[in-house]
């Protein structure tokens, strides 16, 4: 899998977690799966943001802000791949 595709998939996975939080559709279960996938990706910055989001599920706004940071981080990496 190309790096660009991998980053795009990780971005989509994080978006699914964010949607689960915002729509209150099993965010704990979704978060566990997403966290596992992100940790397997081997990017410490990304994993830290997703872990912090998962740990703050009781505060949806805070959790979403961590996921937004993760998304911005991934978009930066995608931009590097495109240039």
PDB file of N, CA and C in Angstrom:
ATOM      1  N   UNK A   1       0.855  -1.179   0.000  1.00  0.00           N
ATOM      2  CA  UNK A   1       0.000   0.000   0.000  1.00  0.00           C
ATOM      3  C   UNK A   1       0.900   1.241   0.000  1.00  0.00           C
ATOM      4  N   UNK A   2       0.561   2.166  -0.825  1.00  0.00           N
ATOM      5  CA  UNK A   2       1.324   3.403  -0.890  1.00  0.00           C
ATOM      6  C   UNK A   2       1.079   4.234   0.370  1.00  0.00           C
ATOM      7  N   UNK A   3       2.071   5.058   0.700  1.00  0.00           N
ATOM      8  CA  UNK A   3       1.980   5.897   1.904  1.00  0.00           C
ATOM      9  C   UNK A   3       0.771   6.828   1.848  1.00  0.00           C
ATOM     10  N   UNK A   4       0.520   7.419   0.699  1.00  0.00           N
ATOM     11  CA  UNK A   4      -0.618   8.327   0.563  1.00  0.00           C
ATOM     12  C   UNK A   4      -1.929   7.607   0.857  1.00  0.00           C
ATOM     13  N   UNK A   5      -2.094   6.417   0.307  1.00  0.00           N
ATOM     14  CA  UNK A   5      -3.316   5.641   0.563  1.00  0.00           C
ATOM     15  C   UNK A   5      -3.446   5.292   2.039  1.00  0.00           C
ATOM     16  N   UNK A   6      -2.342   4.928   2.655  1.00  0.00           N
ATOM     17  CA  UNK A   6      -2.346   4.576   4.081  1.00  0.00           C
ATOM     18  C   UNK A   6      -2.798   5.769   4.922  1.00  0.00           C
ATOM     19  N   UNK A   7      -2.266   6.942   4.611  1.00  0.00           N
ATOM     20  CA  UNK A   7      -2.640   8.150   5.351  1.00  0.00           C
ATOM     21  C   UNK A   7      -4.105   8.506   5.138  1.00  0.00           C
ATOM     22  N   UNK A   8      -4.596   8.320   3.925  1.00  0.00           N
ATOM     23  CA  UNK A   8      -6.005   8.604   3.642  1.00  0.00           C
ATOM     24  C   UNK A   8      -6.919   7.650   4.405  1.00  0.00           C
ATOM     25  N   UNK A   9      -6.530   6.398   4.491  1.00  0.00           N
ATOM     26  CA  UNK A   9      -7.325   5.416   5.237  1.00  0.00           C
ATOM     27  C   UNK A   9      -7.321   5.754   6.727  1.00  0.00           C
ATOM     28  N   UNK A  10      -6.173   6.115   7.259  1.00  0.00           N
ATOM     29  CA  UNK A  10      -6.105   6.502   8.673  1.00  0.00           C
ATOM     30  C   UNK A  10      -6.979   7.723   8.948  1.00  0.00           C
ATOM     31  N   UNK A  11      -6.992   8.668   8.012  1.00  0.00           N
ATOM     32  CA  UNK A  11      -7.847   9.853   8.154  1.00  0.00           C
ATOM     33  C   UNK A  11      -9.315   9.450   8.199  1.00  0.00           C
ATOM     34  N   UNK A  12      -9.707   8.535   7.334  1.00  0.00           N
ATOM     35  CA  UNK A  12     -11.102   8.079   7.302  1.00  0.00           C
ATOM     36  C   UNK A  12     -11.468   7.342   8.597  1.00  0.00           C
ATOM     37  N   UNK A  13     -10.555   6.558   9.114  1.00  0.00           N
ATOM     38  CA  UNK A  13     -10.808   5.831  10.364  1.00  0.00           C
ATOM     39  C   UNK A  13     -11.045   6.814  11.508  1.00  0.00           C
ATOM     40  N   UNK A  14     -10.234   7.846  11.568  1.00  0.00           N
ATOM     41  CA  UNK A  14     -10.407   8.865  12.611  1.00  0.00           C
ATOM     42  C   UNK A  14     -11.731   9.591  12.427  1.00  0.00           C
ATOM     43  N   UNK A  15     -12.114   9.841  11.193  1.00  0.00           N
ATOM     44  CA  UNK A  15     -13.399  10.493  10.915  1.00  0.00           C
ATOM     45  C   UNK A  15     -14.567   9.630  11.423  1.00  0.00           C
ATOM     46  N   UNK A  16     -14.445   8.319  11.280  1.00  0.00           N
ATOM     47  CA  UNK A  16     -15.491   7.415  11.779  1.00  0.00           C
ATOM     48  C   UNK A  16     -15.612   7.507  13.301  1.00  0.00           C
ATOM     49  N   UNK A  17     -14.488   7.590  13.984  1.00  0.00           N
ATOM     50  CA  UNK A  17     -14.494   7.729  15.439  1.00  0.00           C
ATOM     51  C   UNK A  17     -15.156   9.049  15.825  1.00  0.00           C
ATOM     52  N   UNK A  18     -14.805  10.115  15.137  1.00  0.00           N
ATOM     53  CA  UNK A  18     -15.396  11.426  15.415  1.00  0.00           C
ATOM     54  C   UNK A  18     -16.912  11.391  15.206  1.00  0.00           C
ATOM     55  N   UNK A  19     -17.346  10.762  14.131  1.00  0.00           N
ATOM     56  CA  UNK A  19     -18.784  10.645  13.859  1.00  0.00           C
ATOM     57  C   UNK A  19     -19.477   9.854  14.962  1.00  0.00           C
ATOM     58  N   UNK A  20     -18.848   8.780  15.414  1.00  0.00           N
ATOM     59  CA  UNK A  20     -19.434   7.974  16.491  1.00  0.00           C
ATOM     60  C   UNK A  20     -19.613   8.809  17.754  1.00  0.00           C
ATOM     61  N   UNK A  21     -18.655   9.677  18.038  1.00  0.00           N
ATOM     62  CA  UNK A  21     -18.765  10.547  19.216  1.00  0.00           C
ATOM     63  C   UNK A  21     -19.890  11.555  19.021  1.00  0.00           C
ATOM     64  N   UNK A  22     -19.881  12.234  17.887  1.00  0.00           N
ATOM     65  CA  UNK A  22     -20.870  13.294  17.645  1.00  0.00           C
ATOM     66  C   UNK A  22     -22.298  12.765  17.563  1.00  0.00           C
ATOM     67  N   UNK A  23     -22.451  11.562  17.028  1.00  0.00           N
ATOM     68  CA  UNK A  23     -23.786  10.980  16.877  1.00  0.00           C
ATOM     69  C   UNK A  23     -24.151  10.084  18.062  1.00  0.00           C
ATOM     70  N   UNK A  24     -23.234   9.948  19.020  1.00  0.00           N
ATOM     71  CA  UNK A  24     -23.421   9.099  20.199  1.00  0.00           C
ATOM     72  C   UNK A  24     -23.803   7.675  19.796  1.00  0.00           C
ATOM     73  N   UNK A  25     -23.051   7.134  18.829  1.00  0.00           N
ATOM     74  CA  UNK A  25     -23.274   5.767  18.357  1.00  0.00           C
ATOM     75  C   UNK A  25     -22.101   4.887  18.772  1.00  0.00           C
ATOM     76  N   UNK A  26     -22.190   4.320  19.937  1.00  0.00           N
ATOM     77  CA  UNK A  26     -21.185   3.415  20.485  1.00  0.00           C
ATOM     78  C   UNK A  26     -19.763   3.969  20.362  1.00  0.00           C
ATOM     79  N   UNK A  27     -19.528   5.177  20.866  1.00  0.00           N
ATOM     80  CA  UNK A  27     -18.182   5.746  20.727  1.00  0.00           C
ATOM     81  C   UNK A  27     -17.106   4.942  21.459  1.00  0.00           C
ATOM     82  N   UNK A  28     -17.476   4.286  22.558  1.00  0.00           N
ATOM     83  CA  UNK A  28     -16.487   3.502  23.295  1.00  0.00           C
ATOM     84  C   UNK A  28     -16.005   2.322  22.456  1.00  0.00           C
ATOM     85  N   UNK A  29     -16.944   1.599  21.884  1.00  0.00           N
ATOM     86  CA  UNK A  29     -16.598   0.436  21.061  1.00  0.00           C
ATOM     87  C   UNK A  29     -15.824   0.867  19.819  1.00  0.00           C
ATOM     88  N   UNK A  30     -16.312   1.881  19.138  1.00  0.00           N
ATOM     89  CA  UNK A  30     -15.630   2.386  17.945  1.00  0.00           C
ATOM     90  C   UNK A  30     -14.240   2.889  18.310  1.00  0.00           C
ATOM     91  N   UNK A  31     -14.151   3.604  19.416  1.00  0.00           N
ATOM     92  CA  UNK A  31     -12.872   4.145  19.856  1.00  0.00           C
ATOM     93  C   UNK A  31     -11.836   3.077  20.132  1.00  0.00           C
ATOM     94  N   UNK A  32     -12.261   1.970  20.736  1.00  0.00           N
ATOM     95  CA  UNK A  32     -11.325   0.878  21.009  1.00  0.00           C
ATOM     96  C   UNK A  32     -10.739   0.312  19.722  1.00  0.00           C
ATOM     97  N   UNK A  33     -11.623   0.098  18.741  1.00  0.00           N
ATOM     98  CA  UNK A  33     -11.171  -0.451  17.459  1.00  0.00           C
ATOM     99  C   UNK A  33     -10.243   0.535  16.752  1.00  0.00           C
ATOM    100  N   UNK A  34     -10.644   1.794  16.717  1.00  0.00           N
ATOM    101  CA  UNK A  34      -9.832   2.821  16.058  1.00  0.00           C
ATOM    102  C   UNK A  34      -8.479   2.955  16.755  1.00  0.00           C
ATOM    103  N   UNK A  35      -8.484   2.977  18.063  1.00  0.00           N
ATOM    104  CA  UNK A  35      -7.233   3.101  18.811  1.00  0.00           C
ATOM    105  C   UNK A  35      -6.289   1.942  18.488  1.00  0.00           C
ATOM    106  N   UNK A  36      -6.827   0.752  18.420  1.00  0.00           N
ATOM    107  CA  UNK A  36      -6.006  -0.416  18.094  1.00  0.00           C
ATOM    108  C   UNK A  36      -5.378  -0.277  16.703  1.00  0.00           C
ATOM    109  N   UNK A  37      -6.180   0.129  15.730  1.00  0.00           N
ATOM    110  CA  UNK A  37      -5.673   0.298  14.360  1.00  0.00           C
ATOM    111  C   UNK A  37      -4.604   1.383  14.312  1.00  0.00           C
ATOM    112  N   UNK A  38      -4.870   2.499  14.970  1.00  0.00           N
ATOM    113  CA  UNK A  38      -3.927   3.621  14.948  1.00  0.00           C
ATOM    114  C   UNK A  38      -2.620   3.239  15.645  1.00  0.00           C
ATOM    115  N   UNK A  39      -2.707   2.526  16.743  1.00  0.00           N
ATOM    116  CA  UNK A  39      -1.485   2.104  17.432  1.00  0.00           C
ATOM    117  C   UNK A  39      -0.666   1.158  16.561  1.00  0.00           C
ATOM    118  N   UNK A  40      -1.344   0.311  15.797  1.00  0.00           N
ATOM    119  CA  UNK A  40      -0.652  -0.598  14.880  1.00  0.00           C
ATOM    120  C   UNK A  40       0.027   0.156  13.744  1.00  0.00           C
ATOM    121  N   UNK A  41      -0.452   1.365  13.445  1.00  0.00           N
ATOM    122  CA  UNK A  41       0.132   2.165  12.361  1.00  0.00           C
ATOM    123  C   UNK A  41       1.532   2.650  12.722  1.00  0.00           C
ATOM    124  N   UNK A  42       1.850   2.688  14.011  1.00  0.00           N
ATOM    125  CA  UNK A  42       3.200   2.999  14.443  1.00  0.00           C
ATOM    126  C   UNK A  42       3.592   4.467  14.435  1.00  0.00           C
ATOM    127  N   UNK A  43       2.619   5.354  14.512  1.00  0.00           N
ATOM    128  CA  UNK A  43       2.907   6.791  14.544  1.00  0.00           C
ATOM    129  C   UNK A  43       2.555   7.299  15.939  1.00  0.00           C
ATOM    130  N   UNK A  44       3.563   7.664  16.715  1.00  0.00           N
ATOM    131  CA  UNK A  44       3.360   8.035  18.118  1.00  0.00           C
ATOM    132  C   UNK A  44       2.496   9.279  18.283  1.00  0.00           C
ATOM    133  N   UNK A  45       2.692  10.287  17.444  1.00  0.00           N
ATOM    134  CA  UNK A  45       1.906  11.524  17.548  1.00  0.00           C
ATOM    135  C   UNK A  45       0.433  11.225  17.303  1.00  0.00           C
ATOM    136  N   UNK A  46       0.167  10.485  16.269  1.00  0.00           N
ATOM    137  CA  UNK A  46      -1.206  10.122  15.935  1.00  0.00           C
ATOM    138  C   UNK A  46      -1.829   9.268  17.041  1.00  0.00           C
ATOM    139  N   UNK A  47      -1.092   8.287  17.517  1.00  0.00           N
ATOM    140  CA  UNK A  47      -1.590   7.409  18.575  1.00  0.00           C
ATOM    141  C   UNK A  47      -1.885   8.189  19.853  1.00  0.00           C
ATOM    142  N   UNK A  48      -1.040   9.149  20.193  1.00  0.00           N
ATOM    143  CA  UNK A  48      -1.273   9.958  21.393  1.00  0.00           C
ATOM    144  C   UNK A  48      -2.571  10.750  21.288  1.00  0.00           C
ATOM    145  N   UNK A  49      -2.812  11.354  20.131  1.00  0.00           N
ATOM    146  CA  UNK A  49      -4.041  12.130  19.958  1.00  0.00           C
ATOM    147  C   UNK A  49      -5.282  11.249  20.043  1.00  0.00           C
ATOM    148  N   UNK A  50      -5.232  10.089  19.421  1.00  0.00           N
ATOM    149  CA  UNK A  50      -6.393   9.192  19.448  1.00  0.00           C
ATOM    150  C   UNK A  50      -6.588   8.616  20.850  1.00  0.00           C
ATOM    151  N   UNK A  51      -5.512   8.273  21.531  1.00  0.00           N
ATOM    152  CA  UNK A  51      -5.623   7.784  22.907  1.00  0.00           C
ATOM    153  C   UNK A  51      -6.233   8.852  23.806  1.00  0.00           C
ATOM    154  N   UNK A  52      -5.768  10.083  23.680  1.00  0.00           N
ATOM    155  CA  UNK A  52      -6.339  11.168  24.481  1.00  0.00           C
ATOM    156  C   UNK A  52      -7.820  11.354  24.185  1.00  0.00           C
ATOM    157  N   UNK A  53      -8.203  11.238  22.926  1.00  0.00           N
ATOM    158  CA  UNK A  53      -9.625  11.340  22.570  1.00  0.00           C
ATOM    159  C   UNK A  53     -10.413  10.221  23.249  1.00  0.00           C
ATOM    160  N   UNK A  54      -9.884   9.018  23.182  1.00  0.00           N
ATOM    161  CA  UNK A  54     -10.570   7.874  23.785  1.00  0.00           C
ATOM    162  C   UNK A  54     -10.709   8.047  25.299  1.00  0.00           C
ATOM    163  N   UNK A  55      -9.670   8.535  25.930  1.00  0.00           N
ATOM    164  CA  UNK A  55      -9.703   8.719  27.384  1.00  0.00           C
ATOM    165  C   UNK A  55     -10.635   9.842  27.819  1.00  0.00           C
ATOM    166  N   UNK A  56     -11.006  10.715  26.890  1.00  0.00           N
ATOM    167  CA  UNK A  56     -11.872  11.861  27.218  1.00  0.00           C
ATOM    168  C   UNK A  56     -13.279  11.709  26.640  1.00  0.00           C
ATOM    169  N   UNK A  57     -13.718  10.498  26.419  1.00  0.00           N
ATOM    170  CA  UNK A  57     -15.053  10.280  25.849  1.00  0.00           C
ATOM    171  C   UNK A  57     -16.167  10.867  26.700  1.00  0.00           C
ATOM    172  N   UNK A  58     -15.924  11.037  27.992  1.00  0.00           N
ATOM    173  CA  UNK A  58     -16.948  11.639  28.852  1.00  0.00           C
ATOM    174  C   UNK A  58     -17.110  13.127  28.570  1.00  0.00           C
ATOM    175  N   UNK A  59     -16.152  13.690  27.853  1.00  0.00           N
ATOM    176  CA  UNK A  59     -16.201  15.094  27.437  1.00  0.00           C
ATOM    177  C   UNK A  59     -16.102  15.137  25.909  1.00  0.00           C
ATOM    178  N   UNK A  60     -17.221  14.939  25.230  1.00  0.00           N
ATOM    179  CA  UNK A  60     -17.193  14.821  23.767  1.00  0.00           C
ATOM    180  C   UNK A  60     -16.482  15.962  23.048  1.00  0.00           C
ATOM    181  N   UNK A  61     -16.654  17.191  23.507  1.00  0.00           N
ATOM    182  CA  UNK A  61     -15.995  18.320  22.836  1.00  0.00           C
ATOM    183  C   UNK A  61     -14.474  18.202  22.910  1.00  0.00           C
ATOM    184  N   UNK A  62     -13.978  17.771  24.046  1.00  0.00           N
ATOM    185  CA  UNK A  62     -12.530  17.609  24.216  1.00  0.00           C
ATOM    186  C   UNK A  62     -12.036  16.441  23.360  1.00  0.00           C
ATOM    187  N   UNK A  63     -12.774  15.343  23.382  1.00  0.00           N
ATOM    188  CA  UNK A  63     -12.393  14.180  22.574  1.00  0.00           C
ATOM    189  C   UNK A  63     -12.327  14.546  21.097  1.00  0.00           C
ATOM    190  N   UNK A  64     -13.328  15.265  20.626  1.00  0.00           N
ATOM    191  CA  UNK A  64     -13.360  15.678  19.223  1.00  0.00           C
ATOM    192  C   UNK A  64     -12.188  16.601  18.906  1.00  0.00           C
ATOM    193  N   UNK A  65     -11.817  17.459  19.840  1.00  0.00           N
ATOM    194  CA  UNK A  65     -10.689  18.364  19.578  1.00  0.00           C
ATOM    195  C   UNK A  65      -9.392  17.576  19.381  1.00  0.00           C
ATOM    196  N   UNK A  66      -9.214  16.488  20.126  1.00  0.00           N
ATOM    197  CA  UNK A  66      -8.034  15.641  19.921  1.00  0.00           C
ATOM    198  C   UNK A  66      -8.078  14.970  18.549  1.00  0.00           C
ATOM    199  N   UNK A  67      -9.257  14.546  18.141  1.00  0.00           N
ATOM    200  CA  UNK A  67      -9.377  13.925  16.818  1.00  0.00           C
ATOM    201  C   UNK A  67      -9.149  14.947  15.712  1.00  0.00           C
ATOM    202  N   UNK A  68      -9.577  16.174  15.945  1.00  0.00           N
ATOM    203  CA  UNK A  68      -9.303  17.240  14.971  1.00  0.00           C
ATOM    204  C   UNK A  68      -7.799  17.479  14.845  1.00  0.00           C
ATOM    205  N   UNK A  69      -7.088  17.436  15.967  1.00  0.00           N
ATOM    206  CA  UNK A  69      -5.627  17.588  15.929  1.00  0.00           C
ATOM    207  C   UNK A  69      -4.995  16.442  15.142  1.00  0.00           C
ATOM    208  N   UNK A  70      -5.501  15.243  15.354  1.00  0.00           N
ATOM    209  CA  UNK A  70      -4.987  14.084  14.619  1.00  0.00           C
ATOM    210  C   UNK A  70      -5.235  14.243  13.124  1.00  0.00           C
ATOM    211  N   UNK A  71      -6.399  14.761  12.772  1.00  0.00           N
ATOM    212  CA  UNK A  71      -6.734  14.962  11.362  1.00  0.00           C
ATOM    213  C   UNK A  71      -5.834  16.015  10.727  1.00  0.00           C
ATOM    214  N   UNK A  72      -5.609  17.111  11.427  1.00  0.00           N
ATOM    215  CA  UNK A  72      -4.710  18.159  10.918  1.00  0.00           C
ATOM    216  C   UNK A  72      -3.303  17.581  10.723  1.00  0.00           C
ATOM    217  N   UNK A  73      -2.864  16.790  11.674  1.00  0.00           N
ATOM    218  CA  UNK A  73      -1.552  16.144  11.582  1.00  0.00           C
ATOM    219  C   UNK A  73      -1.473  15.259  10.337  1.00  0.00           C
ATOM    220  N   UNK A  74      -2.508  14.450  10.118  1.00  0.00           N
ATOM    221  CA  UNK A  74      -2.523  13.576   8.944  1.00  0.00           C
ATOM    222  C   UNK A  74      -2.578  14.374   7.651  1.00  0.00           C
ATOM    223  N   UNK A  75      -3.359  15.442   7.639  1.00  0.00           N
ATOM    224  CA  UNK A  75      -3.431  16.276   6.434  1.00  0.00           C
ATOM    225  C   UNK A  75      -2.058  16.859   6.109  1.00  0.00           C
ATOM    226  N   UNK A  76      -1.299  17.223   7.128  1.00  0.00           N
ATOM    227  CA  UNK A  76       0.061  17.713   6.915  1.00  0.00           C
ATOM    228  C   UNK A  76       0.950  16.651   6.283  1.00  0.00           C
ATOM    229  N   UNK A  77       0.817  15.423   6.764  1.00  0.00           N
ATOM    230  CA  UNK A  77       1.604  14.327   6.195  1.00  0.00           C
ATOM    231  C   UNK A  77       1.161  14.024   4.760  1.00  0.00           C
ATOM    232  N   UNK A  78      -0.138  14.143   4.498  1.00  0.00           N
ATOM    233  CA  UNK A  78      -0.649  13.936   3.137  1.00  0.00           C
ATOM    234  C   UNK A  78      -0.090  15.011   2.209  1.00  0.00           C
ATOM    235  N   UNK A  79      -0.070  16.249   2.677  1.00  0.00           N
ATOM    236  CA  UNK A  79       0.485  17.344   1.868  1.00  0.00           C
ATOM    237  C   UNK A  79       1.942  17.075   1.498  1.00  0.00           C
ATOM    238  N   UNK A  80       2.709  16.551   2.434  1.00  0.00           N
ATOM    239  CA  UNK A  80       4.113  16.229   2.162  1.00  0.00           C
ATOM    240  C   UNK A  80       4.205  15.160   1.069  1.00  0.00           C
ATOM    241  N   UNK A  81       3.329  14.170   1.130  1.00  0.00           N
ATOM    242  CA  UNK A  81       3.330  13.108   0.114  1.00  0.00           C
ATOM    243  C   UNK A  81       2.989  13.650  -1.274  1.00  0.00           C
ATOM    244  N   UNK A  82       2.132  14.640  -1.308  1.00  0.00           N
ATOM    245  CA  UNK A  82       1.684  15.183  -2.588  1.00  0.00           C
ATOM    246  C   UNK A  82       2.693  16.143  -3.204  1.00  0.00           C
ATOM    247  N   UNK A  83       3.603  16.650  -2.403  1.00  0.00           N
ATOM    248  CA  UNK A  83       4.587  17.623  -2.923  1.00  0.00           C
ATOM    249  C   UNK A  83       5.935  17.011  -3.169  1.00  0.00           C
TER     250      UNK A  83
END
